[in-house]
Amino acid sequence: MTLTAFPDLSACFLKNRQLLRGLLSKI
């Protein structure tokens, strides 16, 4: 894993967490 790819992974993780939180709030 390269250091330059880490920010992209963290951004994707935060996006996924927001999507999961949105789905849970809809239930």
C-alpha atoms as a PDB file:
ATOM      1  CA  MET A   1       0.000   0.000   0.000  1.00  0.00           C
ATOM      2  CA  THR A   2       1.361   3.393  -0.955  1.00  0.00           C
ATOM      3  CA  LEU A   3       1.050   6.494   1.203  1.00  0.00           C
ATOM      4  CA  THR A   4      -0.531   8.412  -1.679  1.00  0.00           C
ATOM      5  CA  ALA A   5      -3.383   5.902  -1.853  1.00  0.00           C
ATOM      6  CA  PHE A   6      -4.193   6.227   1.855  1.00  0.00           C
ATOM      7  CA  PRO A   7      -6.136   9.545   1.622  1.00  0.00           C
ATOM      8  CA  ASP A   8      -8.279   8.046  -1.163  1.00  0.00           C
ATOM      9  CA  LEU A   9      -9.029   4.983   0.959  1.00  0.00           C
ATOM     10  CA  SER A  10      -9.906   7.093   3.997  1.00  0.00           C
ATOM     11  CA  ALA A  11     -12.176   9.304   1.868  1.00  0.00           C
ATOM     12  CA  CYS A  12     -13.950   6.222   0.470  1.00  0.00           C
ATOM     13  CA  PHE A  13     -14.307   4.844   4.001  1.00  0.00           C
ATOM     14  CA  LEU A  14     -15.889   8.071   5.245  1.00  0.00           C
ATOM     15  CA  LYS A  15     -18.263   8.114   2.256  1.00  0.00           C
ATOM     16  CA  ASN A  16     -19.261   4.502   2.892  1.00  0.00           C
ATOM     17  CA  ARG A  17     -19.815   5.261   6.576  1.00  0.00           C
ATOM     18  CA  GLN A  18     -22.063   8.205   5.696  1.00  0.00           C
ATOM     19  CA  LEU A  19     -24.032   6.018   3.252  1.00  0.00           C
ATOM     20  CA  LEU A  20     -24.429   3.267   5.861  1.00  0.00           C
ATOM     21  CA  ARG A  21     -25.551   5.812   8.454  1.00  0.00           C
ATOM     22  CA  GLY A  22     -28.093   7.201   5.965  1.00  0.00           C
ATOM     23  CA  LEU A  23     -29.453   3.723   5.234  1.00  0.00           C
ATOM     24  CA  LEU A  24     -29.728   2.918   8.944  1.00  0.00           C
ATOM     25  CA  SER A  25     -31.595   6.160   9.608  1.00  0.00           C
ATOM     26  CA  LYS A  26     -34.113   5.288   6.881  1.00  0.00           C
ATOM     27  CA  ILE A  27     -34.984   1.964   8.519  1.00  0.00           C
END
